[in-house]
Each structure stands twice: as C-alpha cells, then as structure tokens.
Amino acid sequence: MKAKVTVMLKTGVLDPQGEAVRHALGGMGFDGVEAVRQGKVIELDLADGTDQATIGEMCEKLLANTVIESYEIEVL
C-alpha cells in the first residue's frame, strides 16, 4: 500500500523559504502572489495492512518536527 504524508509549517511559524519564493515570483512579474508556504510531501510504500496509527507514529518520531510542523496522512 502507499501513503502520502504532507508536512507544512504550522500557522504563525515564519517561513523564510516561502517568503523567498514569493519574492522571486514577484521579481519574475507574477503580481498578486500575497503569500507562499513551503512544505514537503513524503510518499511511503508500506506493507499491506499498515494502519494509520503506525504512519502517525512515523510522523511524530521522524517525518515531522511537531513543535513547528503539522502533517496530513493520505492512504492511497
């Protein structure tokens, strides 16, 4: 089975990489981009029957820094 984990900085946490992308887009003539949040997507190939709680534990222990990041799990 496959799962996709999307990790994003929590609301209120400064995102300097997202701000750099927003600034670069403005410099390239893409007006109207008011904010950019940078994140990461992690695709996992897992043994059949792996439960969502186990994937959540992977996120809590390694894939996301839960102090400043949140995550969403999608089983594909």
N, C-alpha and C. Protein backbone atom coordinates (compact mmCIF):
# COMPACT_ATOMS: atom_id res chain seq x y z
N MET A 1 0.84 -1.17 0.00
CA MET A 1 0.00 0.00 0.00
C MET A 1 0.88 1.23 0.00
N LYS A 2 0.31 2.33 -0.41
CA LYS A 2 1.04 3.59 -0.46
C LYS A 2 0.35 4.61 0.44
N ALA A 3 1.16 5.49 0.99
CA ALA A 3 0.63 6.60 1.78
C ALA A 3 1.41 7.85 1.41
N LYS A 4 0.73 8.97 1.49
CA LYS A 4 1.36 10.26 1.23
C LYS A 4 1.22 11.10 2.48
N VAL A 5 2.34 11.63 2.96
CA VAL A 5 2.36 12.49 4.13
C VAL A 5 2.75 13.90 3.67
N THR A 6 1.91 14.87 3.95
CA THR A 6 2.20 16.26 3.62
C THR A 6 2.55 16.98 4.92
N VAL A 7 3.73 17.58 4.95
CA VAL A 7 4.22 18.26 6.14
C VAL A 7 4.33 19.76 5.81
N MET A 8 3.72 20.58 6.66
CA MET A 8 3.75 22.04 6.48
C MET A 8 4.09 22.70 7.81
N LEU A 9 4.69 23.88 7.73
CA LEU A 9 4.90 24.66 8.94
C LEU A 9 3.55 25.07 9.51
N LYS A 10 3.45 25.08 10.83
CA LYS A 10 2.21 25.49 11.47
C LYS A 10 1.95 26.97 11.21
N THR A 11 0.67 27.35 11.25
CA THR A 11 0.30 28.75 11.12
C THR A 11 1.00 29.57 12.20
N GLY A 12 1.55 30.69 11.80
CA GLY A 12 2.23 31.55 12.75
C GLY A 12 3.74 31.33 12.81
N VAL A 13 4.21 30.22 12.26
CA VAL A 13 5.65 29.96 12.22
C VAL A 13 6.21 30.64 10.97
N LEU A 14 7.25 31.46 11.13
CA LEU A 14 7.84 32.14 10.00
C LEU A 14 8.36 31.13 8.98
N ASP A 15 8.15 31.45 7.70
CA ASP A 15 8.55 30.56 6.60
C ASP A 15 9.48 31.33 5.66
N PRO A 16 10.78 31.43 6.00
CA PRO A 16 11.68 32.21 5.15
C PRO A 16 11.82 31.65 3.73
N GLN A 17 11.73 30.35 3.58
CA GLN A 17 11.83 29.77 2.24
C GLN A 17 10.60 30.14 1.41
N GLY A 18 9.43 30.09 2.02
CA GLY A 18 8.21 30.51 1.32
C GLY A 18 8.26 31.98 0.96
N GLU A 19 8.79 32.80 1.85
CA GLU A 19 8.91 34.24 1.58
C GLU A 19 9.88 34.49 0.43
N ALA A 20 10.96 33.73 0.36
CA ALA A 20 11.91 33.86 -0.74
C ALA A 20 11.26 33.50 -2.07
N VAL A 21 10.44 32.46 -2.08
CA VAL A 21 9.72 32.07 -3.30
C VAL A 21 8.75 33.16 -3.70
N ARG A 22 8.00 33.71 -2.73
CA ARG A 22 7.06 34.78 -3.03
C ARG A 22 7.78 35.98 -3.63
N HIS A 23 8.89 36.35 -3.05
CA HIS A 23 9.66 37.48 -3.55
C HIS A 23 10.18 37.21 -4.96
N ALA A 24 10.70 36.01 -5.21
CA ALA A 24 11.22 35.66 -6.54
C ALA A 24 10.10 35.68 -7.58
N LEU A 25 8.93 35.18 -7.24
CA LEU A 25 7.80 35.21 -8.19
C LEU A 25 7.44 36.64 -8.54
N GLY A 26 7.43 37.53 -7.53
CA GLY A 26 7.15 38.94 -7.80
C GLY A 26 8.19 39.54 -8.73
N GLY A 27 9.46 39.18 -8.52
CA GLY A 27 10.54 39.67 -9.37
C GLY A 27 10.45 39.16 -10.79
N MET A 28 9.77 38.05 -10.98
CA MET A 28 9.60 37.48 -12.32
C MET A 28 8.34 38.01 -13.01
N GLY A 29 7.65 38.92 -12.33
CA GLY A 29 6.48 39.52 -12.95
C GLY A 29 5.16 38.88 -12.58
N PHE A 30 5.17 37.94 -11.65
CA PHE A 30 3.92 37.30 -11.21
C PHE A 30 3.34 38.11 -10.07
N ASP A 31 2.59 39.14 -10.44
CA ASP A 31 1.99 40.02 -9.44
C ASP A 31 0.80 39.33 -8.78
N GLY A 32 0.50 39.73 -7.59
CA GLY A 32 -0.69 39.21 -6.91
C GLY A 32 -0.43 38.02 -6.01
N VAL A 33 0.80 37.53 -5.95
CA VAL A 33 1.11 36.43 -5.03
C VAL A 33 1.34 37.06 -3.66
N GLU A 34 0.41 36.88 -2.77
CA GLU A 34 0.46 37.55 -1.48
C GLU A 34 1.20 36.75 -0.42
N ALA A 35 1.20 35.43 -0.54
CA ALA A 35 1.90 34.60 0.44
C ALA A 35 2.21 33.24 -0.16
N VAL A 36 3.29 32.66 0.29
CA VAL A 36 3.69 31.31 -0.12
C VAL A 36 4.09 30.56 1.14
N ARG A 37 3.62 29.34 1.29
CA ARG A 37 4.05 28.45 2.37
C ARG A 37 4.74 27.26 1.72
N GLN A 38 5.96 26.99 2.15
CA GLN A 38 6.76 25.89 1.62
C GLN A 38 6.56 24.67 2.50
N GLY A 39 6.41 23.50 1.89
CA GLY A 39 6.25 22.28 2.66
C GLY A 39 6.97 21.13 1.99
N LYS A 40 6.65 19.92 2.41
CA LYS A 40 7.24 18.74 1.79
C LYS A 40 6.21 17.63 1.72
N VAL A 41 6.35 16.79 0.72
CA VAL A 41 5.49 15.62 0.54
C VAL A 41 6.38 14.39 0.61
N ILE A 42 5.98 13.43 1.42
CA ILE A 42 6.73 12.19 1.58
C ILE A 42 5.81 11.05 1.16
N GLU A 43 6.25 10.26 0.17
CA GLU A 43 5.48 9.10 -0.27
C GLU A 43 6.10 7.85 0.33
N LEU A 44 5.26 7.03 0.92
CA LEU A 44 5.71 5.80 1.58
C LEU A 44 5.12 4.58 0.89
N ASP A 45 5.95 3.59 0.61
CA ASP A 45 5.48 2.27 0.18
C ASP A 45 5.51 1.40 1.43
N LEU A 46 4.35 0.92 1.82
CA LEU A 46 4.21 0.20 3.09
C LEU A 46 3.64 -1.19 2.86
N ALA A 47 3.87 -2.06 3.82
CA ALA A 47 3.27 -3.39 3.77
C ALA A 47 1.76 -3.25 3.87
N ASP A 48 1.05 -4.10 3.13
CA ASP A 48 -0.41 -4.09 3.22
C ASP A 48 -0.84 -4.29 4.66
N GLY A 49 -1.84 -3.53 5.05
CA GLY A 49 -2.37 -3.65 6.40
C GLY A 49 -1.74 -2.70 7.40
N THR A 50 -0.75 -1.92 6.97
CA THR A 50 -0.17 -0.93 7.88
C THR A 50 -1.26 0.06 8.25
N ASP A 51 -1.49 0.25 9.53
CA ASP A 51 -2.59 1.14 9.92
C ASP A 51 -2.14 2.59 10.02
N GLN A 52 -3.12 3.47 9.99
CA GLN A 52 -2.85 4.90 10.00
C GLN A 52 -2.16 5.33 11.30
N ALA A 53 -2.43 4.64 12.38
CA ALA A 53 -1.78 4.97 13.65
C ALA A 53 -0.27 4.76 13.57
N THR A 54 0.15 3.72 12.86
CA THR A 54 1.58 3.46 12.68
C THR A 54 2.22 4.56 11.84
N ILE A 55 1.51 4.99 10.80
CA ILE A 55 2.03 6.08 9.96
C ILE A 55 2.12 7.36 10.80
N GLY A 56 1.12 7.60 11.63
CA GLY A 56 1.15 8.75 12.51
C GLY A 56 2.33 8.71 13.46
N GLU A 57 2.66 7.53 13.95
CA GLU A 57 3.81 7.38 14.84
C GLU A 57 5.11 7.69 14.09
N MET A 58 5.18 7.27 12.80
CA MET A 58 6.35 7.60 11.98
C MET A 58 6.51 9.12 11.86
N CYS A 59 5.39 9.78 11.67
CA CYS A 59 5.40 11.25 11.55
C CYS A 59 5.85 11.90 12.85
N GLU A 60 5.30 11.44 13.94
CA GLU A 60 5.61 12.02 15.24
C GLU A 60 7.08 11.82 15.62
N LYS A 61 7.65 10.68 15.24
CA LYS A 61 9.01 10.36 15.66
C LYS A 61 10.09 10.83 14.69
N LEU A 62 9.75 10.98 13.38
CA LEU A 62 10.81 11.27 12.42
C LEU A 62 10.41 12.24 11.30
N LEU A 63 9.27 12.02 10.70
CA LEU A 63 8.96 12.73 9.46
C LEU A 63 8.59 14.19 9.64
N ALA A 64 8.07 14.56 10.79
CA ALA A 64 7.68 15.95 11.05
C ALA A 64 8.24 16.40 12.38
N ASN A 65 8.63 17.65 12.43
CA ASN A 65 9.01 18.27 13.70
C ASN A 65 7.73 18.88 14.25
N THR A 66 7.05 18.15 15.11
CA THR A 66 5.70 18.54 15.53
C THR A 66 5.66 19.79 16.41
N VAL A 67 6.81 20.30 16.80
CA VAL A 67 6.83 21.57 17.52
C VAL A 67 6.45 22.70 16.58
N ILE A 68 6.95 22.64 15.33
CA ILE A 68 6.70 23.73 14.38
C ILE A 68 5.98 23.28 13.11
N GLU A 69 5.77 21.98 12.94
CA GLU A 69 5.14 21.47 11.71
C GLU A 69 3.89 20.66 12.03
N SER A 70 2.95 20.70 11.10
CA SER A 70 1.79 19.81 11.16
C SER A 70 1.88 18.86 9.96
N TYR A 71 1.11 17.79 10.02
CA TYR A 71 1.15 16.83 8.91
C TYR A 71 -0.24 16.28 8.64
N GLU A 72 -0.42 15.83 7.40
CA GLU A 72 -1.65 15.15 6.99
C GLU A 72 -1.25 13.85 6.34
N ILE A 73 -2.01 12.81 6.61
CA ILE A 73 -1.75 11.49 6.06
C ILE A 73 -2.87 11.15 5.09
N GLU A 74 -2.47 10.69 3.90
CA GLU A 74 -3.44 10.22 2.91
C GLU A 74 -3.03 8.83 2.48
N VAL A 75 -3.87 7.84 2.73
CA VAL A 75 -3.60 6.49 2.29
C VAL A 75 -4.12 6.37 0.86
N LEU A 76 -3.23 5.95 -0.03
CA LEU A 76 -3.57 5.91 -1.46
C LEU A 76 -4.01 4.51 -1.89
